[in-house]
Protein backbone atom coordinates (compact mmCIF):
# COMPACT_ATOMS: atom_id res chain seq x y z
CA MET A 1 -30.44 -1.37 11.26
CA GLN A 2 -29.11 2.10 11.99
CA LYS A 3 -27.45 0.91 15.21
CA ARG A 4 -25.72 -1.95 13.36
CA LEU A 5 -24.49 0.37 10.65
CA ARG A 6 -23.20 2.85 13.19
CA LEU A 7 -21.39 0.14 15.16
CA LEU A 8 -19.88 -1.37 12.01
CA SER A 9 -18.69 2.03 10.78
CA LEU A 10 -17.23 2.75 14.22
CA ILE A 11 -15.25 -0.50 14.19
CA ILE A 12 -13.99 -0.10 10.62
CA GLY A 13 -13.19 3.57 11.17
CA SER A 14 -11.27 2.87 14.35
CA ILE A 15 -9.19 0.19 12.63
CA LEU A 16 -8.33 2.54 9.76
CA LEU A 17 -7.57 5.38 12.18
CA LEU A 18 -5.33 3.10 14.23
CA CYS A 19 -3.37 2.07 11.13
CA PHE A 20 -3.04 5.70 10.01
CA ILE A 21 -1.87 6.89 13.45
CA PHE A 22 0.70 4.13 13.83
CA SER A 23 2.00 4.64 10.29
CA ILE A 24 2.59 8.30 11.15
CA LEU A 25 4.15 7.35 14.50
CA PHE A 26 6.54 4.90 12.84
CA MET A 27 7.34 7.57 10.25
CA VAL A 28 8.09 10.33 12.77
CA VAL A 29 9.62 8.44 15.68
CA CYS A 30 11.51 5.83 13.65
CA ARG A 31 12.57 7.96 10.67
CA ASN A 32 16.05 6.41 10.38
CA ALA A 33 15.00 3.01 9.05
CA ASP A 34 18.45 1.43 9.30
CA GLU A 35 18.56 2.15 13.03
CA HIS A 36 14.99 1.11 13.89
CA PHE A 37 13.98 -1.67 11.46
CA ASN A 38 15.42 -4.80 9.89
CA GLY A 39 14.50 -5.33 6.25
CA ILE A 40 14.09 -1.74 5.05
CA ASN A 41 16.57 -0.58 2.42
CA PRO A 42 17.92 2.78 3.71
CA GLN A 43 18.64 4.11 0.21
CA GLN A 44 15.08 3.48 -0.98
CA ASP A 45 13.64 4.72 2.31
CA ASN A 46 15.54 8.01 2.08
CA ALA A 47 14.77 8.47 -1.63
CA SER A 48 11.30 9.90 -1.06
CA LEU A 49 9.00 10.69 1.81
CA MET A 50 6.10 8.90 0.11
CA ASN A 51 8.13 5.70 -0.30
CA ALA A 52 9.12 5.80 3.38
CA TYR A 53 5.51 6.40 4.46
CA LEU A 54 4.16 3.58 2.28
CA THR A 55 6.73 1.23 3.79
CA ARG A 56 5.47 2.17 7.28
CA VAL A 57 1.85 1.70 6.14
CA TYR A 58 2.76 -1.74 4.79
CA PHE A 59 4.49 -2.69 8.06
CA THR A 60 1.54 -1.43 10.13
CA ILE A 61 -1.09 -3.30 8.10
CA VAL A 62 0.91 -6.54 8.03
CA THR A 63 1.45 -6.31 11.78
CA ALA A 64 -2.13 -5.27 12.61
CA SER A 65 -3.59 -8.06 10.49
CA THR A 66 -1.34 -10.55 12.33
CA THR A 67 0.03 -11.74 8.99
CA GLY A 68 3.61 -10.92 9.97
CA PHE A 69 5.57 -11.86 6.85
CA GLY A 70 8.87 -11.20 8.64
CA ASP A 71 10.39 -9.16 5.83
CA ILE A 72 10.38 -6.05 8.06
CA SER A 73 10.87 -6.30 11.81
CA PRO A 74 11.47 -3.77 14.58
CA LYS A 75 15.06 -3.49 15.75
CA SER A 76 15.23 -0.60 18.24
CA GLY A 77 13.52 -0.40 21.60
CA ILE A 78 11.10 2.35 20.54
CA ALA A 79 10.12 0.50 17.36
CA ARG A 80 9.49 -2.66 19.39
CA PHE A 81 7.47 -0.72 21.96
CA LEU A 82 5.29 0.88 19.27
CA THR A 83 4.82 -2.50 17.58
CA CYS A 84 3.74 -4.12 20.86
CA LEU A 85 1.36 -1.23 21.53
CA LEU A 86 -0.12 -1.63 18.05
CA ILE A 87 -0.63 -5.37 18.58
CA LEU A 88 -2.28 -4.81 21.98
CA LEU A 89 -4.65 -2.18 20.58
CA VAL A 90 -5.59 -4.43 17.66
CA MET A 91 -6.31 -7.23 20.14
CA VAL A 92 -8.56 -4.91 22.15
CA GLN A 93 -10.40 -3.95 18.95
CA GLY A 94 -10.77 -7.63 18.10
CA PHE A 95 -12.25 -8.40 21.51
CA TYR A 96 -14.58 -5.41 21.13
CA LEU A 97 -15.74 -6.77 17.78
CA ILE A 98 -16.32 -10.25 19.22
CA VAL A 99 -18.32 -8.85 22.14
CA ASN A 100 -20.46 -6.75 19.82
CA ILE A 101 -20.90 -9.29 17.02
CA ARG A 102 -24.29 -10.23 18.46
CA THR A 103 -25.45 -6.63 18.10
CA LEU A 104 -24.24 -6.58 14.52
CA LEU A 105 -26.09 -9.80 13.64
CA GLN A 106 -29.39 -8.97 15.33
CA SER A 107 -32.09 -7.61 13.09
């Protein structure tokens, strides 16, 4: 039981950490939304730091969950690179979860 709980908390924690790190990366590296993203209103994005960060969190979660609504998309090379890196890391985490699902289900 303790091993299952530890593995589950590791997987959930790593997913949350990945989303947090990429939200910060998108915030710092791609600060000028008009230059790096399609679909982000520059006036709203520049109005407050919290609004800009929440937009990046939204983009990261929608991308990481493979929902991909299409309302925000990367435009610049660095934004596309970070988005591809995020998708690859989420795929690796998904494969890790699939490989370890047997450990989670064993009693």
